[in-house]
PDB file of N, CA and C in Angstrom:
ATOM      1  N   UNK A   1     -70.646 103.249 102.466  1.00  0.00           N
ATOM      2  CA  UNK A   1     -71.006 104.340 101.680  1.00  0.00           C
ATOM      3  C   UNK A   1     -70.024 104.488 100.546  1.00  0.00           C
ATOM      4  N   UNK A   2     -70.265 105.189  99.488  1.00  0.00           N
ATOM      5  CA  UNK A   2     -69.525 105.201  98.311  1.00  0.00           C
ATOM      6  C   UNK A   2     -68.434 106.357  98.360  1.00  0.00           C
ATOM      7  N   UNK A   3     -67.219 106.086  97.793  1.00  0.00           N
ATOM      8  CA  UNK A   3     -66.224 106.963  97.650  1.00  0.00           C
ATOM      9  C   UNK A   3     -66.528 107.762  96.355  1.00  0.00           C
ATOM     10  N   UNK A   4     -66.630 109.151  96.495  1.00  0.00           N
ATOM     11  CA  UNK A   4     -67.050 109.936  95.495  1.00  0.00           C
ATOM     12  C   UNK A   4     -66.187 111.295  95.242  1.00  0.00           C
ATOM     13  N   UNK A   5     -65.798 111.462  93.930  1.00  0.00           N
ATOM     14  CA  UNK A   5     -64.962 112.506  93.733  1.00  0.00           C
ATOM     15  C   UNK A   5     -65.882 113.707  93.131  1.00  0.00           C
ATOM     16  N   UNK A   6     -65.717 114.900  93.549  1.00  0.00           N
ATOM     17  CA  UNK A   6     -66.414 116.133  92.900  1.00  0.00           C
ATOM     18  C   UNK A   6     -65.342 116.962  92.224  1.00  0.00           C
ATOM     19  N   UNK A   7     -65.581 117.335  90.865  1.00  0.00           N
ATOM     20  CA  UNK A   7     -64.798 117.982  90.209  1.00  0.00           C
ATOM     21  C   UNK A   7     -65.575 119.192  89.575  1.00  0.00           C
ATOM     22  N   UNK A   8     -65.359 120.328  90.041  1.00  0.00           N
ATOM     23  CA  UNK A   8     -66.093 121.508  89.550  1.00  0.00           C
ATOM     24  C   UNK A   8     -65.199 122.798  89.614  1.00  0.00           C
ATOM     25  N   UNK A   9     -65.171 123.747  88.661  1.00  0.00           N
ATOM     26  CA  UNK A   9     -64.396 124.912  88.921  1.00  0.00           C
ATOM     27  C   UNK A   9     -65.024 125.913  89.817  1.00  0.00           C
ATOM     28  N   UNK A  10     -66.198 125.623  90.249  1.00  0.00           N
ATOM     29  CA  UNK A  10     -66.893 126.534  91.328  1.00  0.00           C
ATOM     30  C   UNK A  10     -66.718 125.941  92.689  1.00  0.00           C
ATOM     31  N   UNK A  11     -65.913 126.645  93.467  1.00  0.00           N
ATOM     32  CA  UNK A  11     -65.693 126.224  94.845  1.00  0.00           C
ATOM     33  C   UNK A  11     -66.975 126.100  95.464  1.00  0.00           C
ATOM     34  N   UNK A  12     -67.996 127.051  95.240  1.00  0.00           N
ATOM     35  CA  UNK A  12     -69.237 126.944  96.033  1.00  0.00           C
ATOM     36  C   UNK A  12     -69.936 125.569  95.606  1.00  0.00           C
ATOM     37  N   UNK A  13     -69.964 125.344  94.366  1.00  0.00           N
ATOM     38  CA  UNK A  13     -70.598 124.054  93.904  1.00  0.00           C
ATOM     39  C   UNK A  13     -69.962 122.806  94.615  1.00  0.00           C
ATOM     40  N   UNK A  14     -68.643 122.916  94.622  1.00  0.00           N
ATOM     41  CA  UNK A  14     -67.914 121.702  95.153  1.00  0.00           C
ATOM     42  C   UNK A  14     -68.425 121.615  96.689  1.00  0.00           C
ATOM     43  N   UNK A  15     -68.220 122.778  97.315  1.00  0.00           N
ATOM     44  CA  UNK A  15     -68.470 122.664  98.791  1.00  0.00           C
ATOM     45  C   UNK A  15     -70.048 122.264  98.987  1.00  0.00           C
ATOM     46  N   UNK A  16     -70.923 122.769  98.173  1.00  0.00           N
ATOM     47  CA  UNK A  16     -72.282 122.274  98.401  1.00  0.00           C
ATOM     48  C   UNK A  16     -72.452 120.771  98.217  1.00  0.00           C
ATOM     49  N   UNK A  17     -71.922 120.236  97.041  1.00  0.00           N
ATOM     50  CA  UNK A  17     -71.959 118.706  97.057  1.00  0.00           C
ATOM     51  C   UNK A  17     -71.283 117.960  97.948  1.00  0.00           C
ATOM     52  N   UNK A  18     -70.144 118.498  98.422  1.00  0.00           N
ATOM     53  CA  UNK A  18     -69.389 117.784  99.520  1.00  0.00           C
ATOM     54  C   UNK A  18     -70.304 117.745 100.829  1.00  0.00           C
ATOM     55  N   UNK A  19     -70.879 118.806 101.094  1.00  0.00           N
ATOM     56  CA  UNK A  19     -71.615 118.948 102.331  1.00  0.00           C
ATOM     57  C   UNK A  19     -72.846 117.949 102.226  1.00  0.00           C
ATOM     58  N   UNK A  20     -73.437 117.892 101.239  1.00  0.00           N
ATOM     59  CA  UNK A  20     -74.626 117.044 101.113  1.00  0.00           C
ATOM     60  C   UNK A  20     -74.268 115.515 101.181  1.00  0.00           C
ATOM     61  N   UNK A  21     -73.174 115.185 100.397  1.00  0.00           N
ATOM     62  CA  UNK A  21     -72.777 113.789 100.449  1.00  0.00           C
ATOM     63  C   UNK A  21     -72.160 113.404 101.706  1.00  0.00           C
ATOM     64  N   UNK A  22     -71.316 114.215 102.269  1.00  0.00           N
ATOM     65  CA  UNK A  22     -70.663 113.844 103.603  1.00  0.00           C
ATOM     66  C   UNK A  22     -71.722 113.624 104.737  1.00  0.00           C
ATOM     67  N   UNK A  23     -72.787 114.539 104.735  1.00  0.00           N
ATOM     68  CA  UNK A  23     -73.734 114.416 105.730  1.00  0.00           C
ATOM     69  C   UNK A  23     -74.572 113.178 105.546  1.00  0.00           C
ATOM     70  N   UNK A  24     -74.668 112.644 104.371  1.00  0.00           N
ATOM     71  CA  UNK A  24     -75.366 111.402 104.080  1.00  0.00           C
ATOM     72  C   UNK A  24     -74.276 110.082 104.343  1.00  0.00           C
ATOM     73  N   UNK A  25     -72.950 110.477 104.791  1.00  0.00           N
ATOM     74  CA  UNK A  25     -72.159 109.473 105.136  1.00  0.00           C
ATOM     75  C   UNK A  25     -71.198 108.867 104.033  1.00  0.00           C
ATOM     76  N   UNK A  26     -71.242 109.659 102.953  1.00  0.00           N
ATOM     77  CA  UNK A  26     -70.313 109.206 101.846  1.00  0.00           C
ATOM     78  C   UNK A  26     -69.035 109.719 102.088  1.00  0.00           C
ATOM     79  N   UNK A  27     -67.861 109.115 101.526  1.00  0.00           N
ATOM     80  CA  UNK A  27     -66.539 109.406 101.521  1.00  0.00           C
ATOM     81  C   UNK A  27     -66.330 110.342 100.210  1.00  0.00           C
ATOM     82  N   UNK A  28     -66.755 111.582 100.470  1.00  0.00           N
ATOM     83  CA  UNK A  28     -66.686 112.551  99.293  1.00  0.00           C
ATOM     84  C   UNK A  28     -65.352 113.347  99.250  1.00  0.00           C
ATOM     85  N   UNK A  29     -64.736 113.677  98.309  1.00  0.00           N
ATOM     86  CA  UNK A  29     -63.603 114.559  98.268  1.00  0.00           C
ATOM     87  C   UNK A  29     -63.675 115.405  96.994  1.00  0.00           C
ATOM     88  N   UNK A  30     -62.931 116.607  97.064  1.00  0.00           N
ATOM     89  CA  UNK A  30     -63.088 117.570  95.851  1.00  0.00           C
ATOM     90  C   UNK A  30     -61.695 117.558  95.102  1.00  0.00           C
ATOM     91  N   UNK A  31     -61.723 117.920  93.895  1.00  0.00           N
ATOM     92  CA  UNK A  31     -60.587 118.043  92.987  1.00  0.00           C
ATOM     93  C   UNK A  31     -60.729 119.370  92.301  1.00  0.00           C
ATOM     94  N   UNK A  32     -59.826 120.371  92.518  1.00  0.00           N
ATOM     95  CA  UNK A  32     -59.929 121.581  91.720  1.00  0.00           C
ATOM     96  C   UNK A  32     -59.393 121.329  90.385  1.00  0.00           C
ATOM     97  N   UNK A  33     -60.224 121.529  89.314  1.00  0.00           N
ATOM     98  CA  UNK A  33     -59.913 121.114  87.897  1.00  0.00           C
ATOM     99  C   UNK A  33     -58.848 122.200  87.297  1.00  0.00           C
ATOM    100  N   UNK A  34     -57.645 122.269  87.871  1.00  0.00           N
ATOM    101  CA  UNK A  34     -56.686 123.153  87.205  1.00  0.00           C
ATOM    102  C   UNK A  34     -56.344 122.707  85.688  1.00  0.00           C
ATOM    103  N   UNK A  35     -56.288 121.350  85.647  1.00  0.00           N
ATOM    104  CA  UNK A  35     -55.874 120.836  84.315  1.00  0.00           C
ATOM    105  C   UNK A  35     -56.415 119.396  84.326  1.00  0.00           C
ATOM    106  N   UNK A  36     -56.705 118.823  83.219  1.00  0.00           N
ATOM    107  CA  UNK A  36     -57.298 117.414  83.111  1.00  0.00           C
ATOM    108  C   UNK A  36     -56.167 116.471  83.513  1.00  0.00           C
ATOM    109  N   UNK A  37     -54.856 116.932  83.381  1.00  0.00           N
ATOM    110  CA  UNK A  37     -53.934 115.898  83.851  1.00  0.00           C
ATOM    111  C   UNK A  37     -53.857 115.837  85.339  1.00  0.00           C
ATOM    112  N   UNK A  38     -54.039 116.871  85.970  1.00  0.00           N
ATOM    113  CA  UNK A  38     -54.062 116.898  87.581  1.00  0.00           C
ATOM    114  C   UNK A  38     -55.210 116.099  87.939  1.00  0.00           C
ATOM    115  N   UNK A  39     -56.279 116.382  87.288  1.00  0.00           N
ATOM    116  CA  UNK A  39     -57.619 115.650  87.806  1.00  0.00           C
ATOM    117  C   UNK A  39     -57.334 114.091  87.576  1.00  0.00           C
ATOM    118  N   UNK A  40     -56.888 113.725  86.463  1.00  0.00           N
ATOM    119  CA  UNK A  40     -56.698 112.262  86.348  1.00  0.00           C
ATOM    120  C   UNK A  40     -55.595 111.712  87.236  1.00  0.00           C
ATOM    121  N   UNK A  41     -54.558 112.593  87.620  1.00  0.00           N
ATOM    122  CA  UNK A  41     -53.627 112.050  88.485  1.00  0.00           C
ATOM    123  C   UNK A  41     -54.323 111.728  89.892  1.00  0.00           C
ATOM    124  N   UNK A  42     -54.985 112.629  90.281  1.00  0.00           N
ATOM    125  CA  UNK A  42     -55.661 112.386  91.688  1.00  0.00           C
ATOM    126  C   UNK A  42     -56.668 111.255  91.628  1.00  0.00           C
ATOM    127  N   UNK A  43     -57.458 111.229  90.626  1.00  0.00           N
ATOM    128  CA  UNK A  43     -58.468 110.089  90.496  1.00  0.00           C
ATOM    129  C   UNK A  43     -57.623 108.744  90.391  1.00  0.00           C
ATOM    130  N   UNK A  44     -56.563 108.643  89.784  1.00  0.00           N
ATOM    131  CA  UNK A  44     -55.777 107.356  89.677  1.00  0.00           C
ATOM    132  C   UNK A  44     -55.230 106.898  91.069  1.00  0.00           C
ATOM    133  N   UNK A  45     -54.921 107.867  91.818  1.00  0.00           N
ATOM    134  CA  UNK A  45     -54.220 107.505  93.061  1.00  0.00           C
ATOM    135  C   UNK A  45     -55.268 106.691  93.925  1.00  0.00           C
ATOM    136  N   UNK A  46     -56.495 107.069  93.966  1.00  0.00           N
ATOM    137  CA  UNK A  46     -57.396 106.183  94.761  1.00  0.00           C
ATOM    138  C   UNK A  46     -58.664 106.368  94.170  1.00  0.00           C
ATOM    139  N   UNK A  47     -58.934 105.606  92.913  1.00  0.00           N
ATOM    140  CA  UNK A  47     -60.253 105.781  92.185  1.00  0.00           C
ATOM    141  C   UNK A  47     -61.477 105.629  93.142  1.00  0.00           C
ATOM    142  N   UNK A  48     -62.347 106.706  92.938  1.00  0.00           N
ATOM    143  CA  UNK A  48     -63.597 106.701  93.472  1.00  0.00           C
ATOM    144  C   UNK A  48     -64.805 105.786  92.729  1.00  0.00           C
ATOM    145  N   UNK A  49     -65.749 105.437  93.416  1.00  0.00           N
ATOM    146  CA  UNK A  49     -66.794 104.794  92.747  1.00  0.00           C
ATOM    147  C   UNK A  49     -67.535 105.591  91.754  1.00  0.00           C
ATOM    148  N   UNK A  50     -67.644 106.834  92.234  1.00  0.00           N
ATOM    149  CA  UNK A  50     -68.459 107.887  91.473  1.00  0.00           C
ATOM    150  C   UNK A  50     -67.672 109.045  91.261  1.00  0.00           C
ATOM    151  N   UNK A  51     -67.638 109.748  89.952  1.00  0.00           N
ATOM    152  CA  UNK A  51     -67.098 110.953  89.716  1.00  0.00           C
ATOM    153  C   UNK A  51     -68.339 111.953  89.362  1.00  0.00           C
ATOM    154  N   UNK A  52     -68.529 113.015  90.089  1.00  0.00           N
ATOM    155  CA  UNK A  52     -69.591 113.940  89.872  1.00  0.00           C
ATOM    156  C   UNK A  52     -68.816 115.216  89.364  1.00  0.00           C
ATOM    157  N   UNK A  53     -69.087 115.559  88.104  1.00  0.00           N
ATOM    158  CA  UNK A  53     -68.252 116.633  87.569  1.00  0.00           C
ATOM    159  C   UNK A  53     -68.987 117.739  86.767  1.00  0.00           C
ATOM    160  N   UNK A  54     -68.577 118.910  86.651  1.00  0.00           N
ATOM    161  CA  UNK A  54     -69.127 119.884  85.774  1.00  0.00           C
ATOM    162  C   UNK A  54     -68.800 119.683  84.400  1.00  0.00           C
ATOM    163  N   UNK A  55     -69.597 120.257  83.489  1.00  0.00           N
ATOM    164  CA  UNK A  55     -69.288 120.055  82.230  1.00  0.00           C
ATOM    165  C   UNK A  55     -68.382 121.168  81.606  1.00  0.00           C
ATOM    166  N   UNK A  56     -68.695 122.232  81.885  1.00  0.00           N
ATOM    167  CA  UNK A  56     -67.989 123.489  81.391  1.00  0.00           C
ATOM    168  C   UNK A  56     -66.866 123.951  82.537  1.00  0.00           C
ATOM    169  N   UNK A  57     -65.555 123.548  82.242  1.00  0.00           N
ATOM    170  CA  UNK A  57     -64.595 123.894  83.048  1.00  0.00           C
ATOM    171  C   UNK A  57     -63.366 124.453  82.404  1.00  0.00           C
ATOM    172  N   UNK A  58     -62.957 125.624  82.605  1.00  0.00           N
ATOM    173  CA  UNK A  58     -61.619 126.094  81.877  1.00  0.00           C
ATOM    174  C   UNK A  58     -60.428 125.120  82.255  1.00  0.00           C
ATOM    175  N   UNK A  59     -59.766 124.696  81.182  1.00  0.00           N
ATOM    176  CA  UNK A  59     -58.526 123.872  81.387  1.00  0.00           C
ATOM    177  C   UNK A  59     -58.887 122.332  81.580  1.00  0.00           C
ATOM    178  N   UNK A  60     -60.144 122.149  81.733  1.00  0.00           N
ATOM    179  CA  UNK A  60     -60.562 120.731  81.888  1.00  0.00           C
ATOM    180  C   UNK A  60     -61.903 120.435  81.331  1.00  0.00           C
ATOM    181  N   UNK A  61     -62.112 120.462  79.933  1.00  0.00           N
ATOM    182  CA  UNK A  61     -63.349 120.280  79.338  1.00  0.00           C
ATOM    183  C   UNK A  61     -64.081 118.989  79.704  1.00  0.00           C
ATOM    184  N   UNK A  62     -65.336 119.003  79.916  1.00  0.00           N
ATOM    185  CA  UNK A  62     -65.991 117.853  80.372  1.00  0.00           C
ATOM    186  C   UNK A  62     -65.875 116.628  79.436  1.00  0.00           C
ATOM    187  N   UNK A  63     -66.100 116.846  78.044  1.00  0.00           N
ATOM    188  CA  UNK A  63     -66.053 115.764  77.267  1.00  0.00           C
ATOM    189  C   UNK A  63     -64.633 115.023  77.227  1.00  0.00           C
ATOM    190  N   UNK A  64     -63.679 115.967  77.324  1.00  0.00           N
ATOM    191  CA  UNK A  64     -62.292 115.413  77.261  1.00  0.00           C
ATOM    192  C   UNK A  64     -61.957 114.616  78.603  1.00  0.00           C
ATOM    193  N   UNK A  65     -62.557 115.059  79.777  1.00  0.00           N
ATOM    194  CA  UNK A  65     -62.350 114.251  80.966  1.00  0.00           C
ATOM    195  C   UNK A  65     -62.983 113.021  80.998  1.00  0.00           C
ATOM    196  N   UNK A  66     -64.347 112.970  80.557  1.00  0.00           N
ATOM    197  CA  UNK A  66     -65.010 111.814  80.316  1.00  0.00           C
ATOM    198  C   UNK A  66     -64.344 110.726  79.532  1.00  0.00           C
ATOM    199  N   UNK A  67     -63.817 111.305  78.262  1.00  0.00           N
ATOM    200  CA  UNK A  67     -63.142 110.374  77.348  1.00  0.00           C
ATOM    201  C   UNK A  67     -61.857 109.774  77.948  1.00  0.00           C
ATOM    202  N   UNK A  68     -61.055 110.612  78.732  1.00  0.00           N
ATOM    203  CA  UNK A  68     -59.910 110.032  79.338  1.00  0.00           C
ATOM    204  C   UNK A  68     -60.246 109.127  80.396  1.00  0.00           C
ATOM    205  N   UNK A  69     -61.202 109.341  81.198  1.00  0.00           N
ATOM    206  CA  UNK A  69     -61.640 108.408  82.224  1.00  0.00           C
ATOM    207  C   UNK A  69     -62.127 107.032  81.573  1.00  0.00           C
ATOM    208  N   UNK A  70     -62.776 107.055  80.540  1.00  0.00           N
ATOM    209  CA  UNK A  70     -63.231 105.854  79.789  1.00  0.00           C
ATOM    210  C   UNK A  70     -62.159 105.135  79.036  1.00  0.00           C
ATOM    211  N   UNK A  71     -61.043 105.748  78.799  1.00  0.00           N
ATOM    212  CA  UNK A  71     -59.894 105.069  78.094  1.00  0.00           C
ATOM    213  C   UNK A  71     -58.971 104.633  79.147  1.00  0.00           C
ATOM    214  N   UNK A  72     -59.041 105.065  80.277  1.00  0.00           N
ATOM    215  CA  UNK A  72     -58.026 104.628  81.442  1.00  0.00           C
ATOM    216  C   UNK A  72     -58.413 103.353  82.069  1.00  0.00           C
ATOM    217  N   UNK A  73     -57.676 102.264  82.020  1.00  0.00           N
ATOM    218  CA  UNK A  73     -58.021 101.056  82.661  1.00  0.00           C
ATOM    219  C   UNK A  73     -58.197 101.126  84.207  1.00  0.00           C
ATOM    220  N   UNK A  74     -57.574 102.052  84.810  1.00  0.00           N
ATOM    221  CA  UNK A  74     -57.802 102.216  86.233  1.00  0.00           C
ATOM    222  C   UNK A  74     -59.140 102.758  86.422  1.00  0.00           C
ATOM    223  N   UNK A  75     -59.619 103.703  85.629  1.00  0.00           N
ATOM    224  CA  UNK A  75     -60.875 104.524  85.816  1.00  0.00           C
ATOM    225  C   UNK A  75     -62.019 104.169  85.067  1.00  0.00           C
ATOM    226  N   UNK A  76     -61.827 103.257  84.183  1.00  0.00           N
ATOM    227  CA  UNK A  76     -62.914 102.982  83.287  1.00  0.00           C
ATOM    228  C   UNK A  76     -64.343 102.464  83.848  1.00  0.00           C
ATOM    229  N   UNK A  77     -64.211 101.785  85.001  1.00  0.00           N
ATOM    230  CA  UNK A  77     -65.360 101.212  85.708  1.00  0.00           C
ATOM    231  C   UNK A  77     -66.061 102.253  86.623  1.00  0.00           C
ATOM    232  N   UNK A  78     -65.460 103.305  86.727  1.00  0.00           N
ATOM    233  CA  UNK A  78     -65.980 104.553  87.757  1.00  0.00           C
ATOM    234  C   UNK A  78     -67.290 105.001  86.961  1.00  0.00           C
ATOM    235  N   UNK A  79     -68.229 105.251  87.784  1.00  0.00           N
ATOM    236  CA  UNK A  79     -69.554 105.921  87.276  1.00  0.00           C
ATOM    237  C   UNK A  79     -69.276 107.306  87.162  1.00  0.00           C
ATOM    238  N   UNK A  80     -69.640 107.974  86.054  1.00  0.00           N
ATOM    239  CA  UNK A  80     -69.458 109.506  85.808  1.00  0.00           C
ATOM    240  C   UNK A  80     -70.905 110.167  85.708  1.00  0.00           C
ATOM    241  N   UNK A  81     -71.026 111.125  86.479  1.00  0.00           N
ATOM    242  CA  UNK A  81     -72.213 111.983  86.556  1.00  0.00           C
ATOM    243  C   UNK A  81     -71.853 113.393  86.125  1.00  0.00           C
ATOM    244  N   UNK A  82     -72.378 113.883  85.124  1.00  0.00           N
ATOM    245  CA  UNK A  82     -72.161 115.334  84.547  1.00  0.00           C
ATOM    246  C   UNK A  82     -73.275 116.207  85.006  1.00  0.00           C
ATOM    247  N   UNK A  83     -72.809 117.354  85.700  1.00  0.00           N
ATOM    248  CA  UNK A  83     -73.804 118.359  86.213  1.00  0.00           C
ATOM    249  C   UNK A  83     -73.638 119.493  85.216  1.00  0.00           C
ATOM    250  N   UNK A  84     -74.750 120.131  84.827  1.00  0.00           N
ATOM    251  CA  UNK A  84     -74.664 121.345  83.947  1.00  0.00           C
ATOM    252  C   UNK A  84     -75.758 122.134  84.018  1.00  0.00           C
ATOM    253  N   UNK A  85     -75.731 123.400  83.824  1.00  0.00           N
ATOM    254  CA  UNK A  85     -76.893 124.250  83.802  1.00  0.00           C
ATOM    255  C   UNK A  85     -77.599 124.332  82.404  1.00  0.00           C
ATOM    256  N   UNK A  86     -76.758 123.767  81.378  1.00  0.00           N
ATOM    257  CA  UNK A  86     -77.189 123.685  80.050  1.00  0.00           C
ATOM    258  C   UNK A  86     -78.152 122.562  79.829  1.00  0.00           C
ATOM    259  N   UNK A  87     -79.047 122.807  78.824  1.00  0.00           N
ATOM    260  CA  UNK A  87     -80.051 121.764  78.425  1.00  0.00           C
ATOM    261  C   UNK A  87     -80.023 121.400  77.078  1.00  0.00           C
ATOM    262  N   UNK A  88     -78.679 121.383  76.583  1.00  0.00           N
ATOM    263  CA  UNK A  88     -78.356 121.110  75.119  1.00  0.00           C
ATOM    264  C   UNK A  88     -78.496 119.652  74.850  1.00  0.00           C
ATOM    265  N   UNK A  89     -79.473 119.195  74.172  1.00  0.00           N
ATOM    266  CA  UNK A  89     -79.476 117.667  73.826  1.00  0.00           C
ATOM    267  C   UNK A  89     -78.358 117.122  72.933  1.00  0.00           C
ATOM    268  N   UNK A  90     -77.788 117.942  72.172  1.00  0.00           N
ATOM    269  CA  UNK A  90     -76.634 117.567  71.453  1.00  0.00           C
ATOM    270  C   UNK A  90     -75.406 117.191  72.293  1.00  0.00           C
ATOM    271  N   UNK A  91     -75.256 117.992  73.426  1.00  0.00           N
ATOM    272  CA  UNK A  91     -74.207 117.735  74.390  1.00  0.00           C
ATOM    273  C   UNK A  91     -74.534 116.382  75.091  1.00  0.00           C
ATOM    274  N   UNK A  92     -75.746 116.275  75.498  1.00  0.00           N
ATOM    275  CA  UNK A  92     -76.219 115.092  76.247  1.00  0.00           C
ATOM    276  C   UNK A  92     -75.922 113.774  75.485  1.00  0.00           C
ATOM    277  N   UNK A  93     -76.218 113.963  74.134  1.00  0.00           N
ATOM    278  CA  UNK A  93     -76.187 112.700  73.272  1.00  0.00           C
ATOM    279  C   UNK A  93     -74.662 112.378  73.134  1.00  0.00           C
ATOM    280  N   UNK A  94     -73.907 113.463  72.904  1.00  0.00           N
ATOM    281  CA  UNK A  94     -72.305 113.081  72.667  1.00  0.00           C
ATOM    282  C   UNK A  94     -71.802 112.555  74.019  1.00  0.00           C
ATOM    283  N   UNK A  95     -72.255 113.053  75.224  1.00  0.00           N
ATOM    284  CA  UNK A  95     -71.583 112.472  76.464  1.00  0.00           C
ATOM    285  C   UNK A  95     -72.272 111.059  76.649  1.00  0.00           C
ATOM    286  N   UNK A  96     -73.535 110.741  76.395  1.00  0.00           N
ATOM    287  CA  UNK A  96     -74.017 109.531  76.380  1.00  0.00           C
ATOM    288  C   UNK A  96     -73.146 108.434  75.533  1.00  0.00           C
ATOM    289  N   UNK A  97     -72.744 108.818  74.437  1.00  0.00           N
ATOM    290  CA  UNK A  97     -71.980 108.056  73.636  1.00  0.00           C
ATOM    291  C   UNK A  97     -70.670 107.674  74.358  1.00  0.00           C
ATOM    292  N   UNK A  98     -70.115 108.674  74.947  1.00  0.00           N
ATOM    293  CA  UNK A  98     -68.837 108.503  75.862  1.00  0.00           C
ATOM    294  C   UNK A  98     -68.958 107.575  76.900  1.00  0.00           C
ATOM    295  N   UNK A  99     -70.191 107.380  77.365  1.00  0.00           N
ATOM    296  CA  UNK A  99     -70.419 106.520  78.504  1.00  0.00           C
ATOM    297  C   UNK A  99     -70.656 107.122  79.805  1.00  0.00           C
ATOM    298  N   UNK A 100     -71.248 108.354  79.890  1.00  0.00           N
ATOM    299  CA  UNK A 100     -71.721 109.017  81.052  1.00  0.00           C
ATOM    300  C   UNK A 100     -72.779 108.116  81.723  1.00  0.00           C
ATOM    301  N   UNK A 101     -72.756 108.078  82.947  1.00  0.00           N
ATOM    302  CA  UNK A 101     -73.798 107.197  83.737  1.00  0.00           C
ATOM    303  C   UNK A 101     -75.070 108.049  83.988  1.00  0.00           C
ATOM    304  N   UNK A 102     -74.926 109.360  84.189  1.00  0.00           N
ATOM    305  CA  UNK A 102     -76.215 110.017  84.481  1.00  0.00           C
ATOM    306  C   UNK A 102     -75.828 111.513  84.346  1.00  0.00           C
ATOM    307  N   UNK A 103     -76.891 112.383  84.376  1.00  0.00           N
ATOM    308  CA  UNK A 103     -76.796 113.940  84.305  1.00  0.00           C
ATOM    309  C   UNK A 103     -77.649 114.378  85.357  1.00  0.00           C
ATOM    310  N   UNK A 104     -77.088 115.500  85.954  1.00  0.00           N
ATOM    311  CA  UNK A 104     -77.856 116.209  86.971  1.00  0.00           C
ATOM    312  C   UNK A 104     -77.775 117.728  86.475  1.00  0.00           C
ATOM    313  N   UNK A 105     -78.974 118.473  86.594  1.00  0.00           N
ATOM    314  CA  UNK A 105     -79.022 119.823  86.237  1.00  0.00           C
ATOM    315  C   UNK A 105     -78.680 120.791  87.439  1.00  0.00           C
ATOM    316  N   UNK A 106     -77.857 121.817  87.140  1.00  0.00           N
ATOM    317  CA  UNK A 106     -77.709 122.805  88.057  1.00  0.00           C
ATOM    318  C   UNK A 106     -78.731 123.810  88.108  1.00  0.00           C
ATOM    319  N   UNK A 107     -78.992 124.356  89.312  1.00  0.00           N
ATOM    320  CA  UNK A 107     -78.496 124.210  90.582  1.00  0.00           C
ATOM    321  C   UNK A 107     -78.830 122.848  91.043  1.00  0.00           C
ATOM    322  N   UNK A 108     -77.887 122.158  91.792  1.00  0.00           N
ATOM    323  CA  UNK A 108     -78.160 120.802  92.401  1.00  0.00           C
ATOM    324  C   UNK A 108     -79.276 120.751  93.406  1.00  0.00           C
ATOM    325  N   UNK A 109     -80.108 119.778  93.271  1.00  0.00           N
ATOM    326  CA  UNK A 109     -81.015 119.556  94.285  1.00  0.00           C
ATOM    327  C   UNK A 109     -80.406 118.412  95.199  1.00  0.00           C
ATOM    328  N   UNK A 110     -80.351 118.626  96.588  1.00  0.00           N
ATOM    329  CA  UNK A 110     -79.824 117.632  97.327  1.00  0.00           C
ATOM    330  C   UNK A 110     -80.508 116.241  97.399  1.00  0.00           C
ATOM    331  N   UNK A 111     -81.870 116.265  97.271  1.00  0.00           N
ATOM    332  CA  UNK A 111     -82.556 115.038  97.322  1.00  0.00           C
ATOM    333  C   UNK A 111     -82.260 114.290  95.991  1.00  0.00           C
ATOM    334  N   UNK A 112     -82.172 114.965  94.822  1.00  0.00           N
ATOM    335  CA  UNK A 112     -81.901 114.379  93.596  1.00  0.00           C
ATOM    336  C   UNK A 112     -80.502 113.849  93.491  1.00  0.00           C
ATOM    337  N   UNK A 113     -79.518 114.481  94.111  1.00  0.00           N
ATOM    338  CA  UNK A 113     -78.211 114.110  94.216  1.00  0.00           C
ATOM    339  C   UNK A 113     -78.036 112.905  94.944  1.00  0.00           C
ATOM    340  N   UNK A 114     -78.637 112.840  96.160  1.00  0.00           N
ATOM    341  CA  UNK A 114     -78.492 111.669  97.024  1.00  0.00           C
ATOM    342  C   UNK A 114     -79.189 110.381  96.428  1.00  0.00           C
ATOM    343  N   UNK A 115     -80.318 110.665  95.785  1.00  0.00           N
ATOM    344  CA  UNK A 115     -81.096 109.586  95.038  1.00  0.00           C
ATOM    345  C   UNK A 115     -80.330 109.062  93.958  1.00  0.00           C
ATOM    346  N   UNK A 116     -79.679 109.695  93.239  1.00  0.00           N
ATOM    347  CA  UNK A 116     -78.811 109.382  92.007  1.00  0.00           C
ATOM    348  C   UNK A 116     -77.560 108.547  92.592  1.00  0.00           C
ATOM    349  N   UNK A 117     -76.990 109.152  93.578  1.00  0.00           N
ATOM    350  CA  UNK A 117     -75.827 108.409  94.112  1.00  0.00           C
ATOM    351  C   UNK A 117     -76.185 106.944  94.532  1.00  0.00           C
ATOM    352  N   UNK A 118     -77.243 107.019  95.273  1.00  0.00           N
ATOM    353  CA  UNK A 118     -77.834 105.656  95.896  1.00  0.00           C
ATOM    354  C   UNK A 118     -78.045 104.736  94.743  1.00  0.00           C
ATOM    355  N   UNK A 119     -78.677 105.251  93.529  1.00  0.00           N
ATOM    356  CA  UNK A 119     -79.002 104.301  92.524  1.00  0.00           C
ATOM    357  C   UNK A 119     -77.729 103.753  91.723  1.00  0.00           C
ATOM    358  N   UNK A 120     -76.785 104.697  91.730  1.00  0.00           N
ATOM    359  CA  UNK A 120     -75.353 104.195  91.042  1.00  0.00           C
ATOM    360  C   UNK A 120     -74.563 103.372  92.000  1.00  0.00           C
ATOM    361  N   UNK A 121     -74.623 103.603  93.342  1.00  0.00           N
ATOM    362  CA  UNK A 121     -73.787 102.844  94.232  1.00  0.00           C
ATOM    363  C   UNK A 121     -74.691 102.496  95.388  1.00  0.00           C
ATOM    364  N   UNK A 122     -75.455 101.417  95.331  1.00  0.00           N
ATOM    365  CA  UNK A 122     -76.300 101.103  96.366  1.00  0.00           C
ATOM    366  C   UNK A 122     -75.520 100.738  97.628  1.00  0.00           C
ATOM    367  N   UNK A 123     -76.060 101.084  98.792  1.00  0.00           N
ATOM    368  CA  UNK A 123     -75.348 100.743 100.049  1.00  0.00           C
ATOM    369  C   UNK A 123     -75.184  99.085 100.212  1.00  0.00           C
ATOM    370  N   UNK A 124     -74.155  98.826 100.591  1.00  0.00           N
ATOM    371  CA  UNK A 124     -73.978  97.276 100.849  1.00  0.00           C
ATOM    372  C   UNK A 124     -74.464  97.004 102.264  1.00  0.00           C
ATOM    373  N   UNK A 125     -74.930  95.803 102.360  1.00  0.00           N
ATOM    374  CA  UNK A 125     -75.268  95.287 103.806  1.00  0.00           C
ATOM    375  C   UNK A 125     -76.654  94.780 103.768  1.00  0.00           C
TER     376      UNK A 125
END
């Protein structure tokens, strides 16, 4: 199963995603987005296969985090999924250009989350 990082300023959202992913057998962990530098430090220590992140986070703007991951040789291959309650097509287009792998709308649907994770990191075997 995949190693997956969850970055969201909402503890409730992080806990929900962690519970769904862990019950499905994934190695999921959370990062509290206090700053973009702290998030990048944790991601670099043991890069996950997938990063699932909120778009609007104080101290850790989504577009800046995506850009930093794509410019980092240690993290550039990581799949990035952006979760948002907003349906702004301009934001989606900007993030697409930065190399976001997929989008999920909040509130997260457990089945959609697991289906997306499986499509981005198919089980080996």
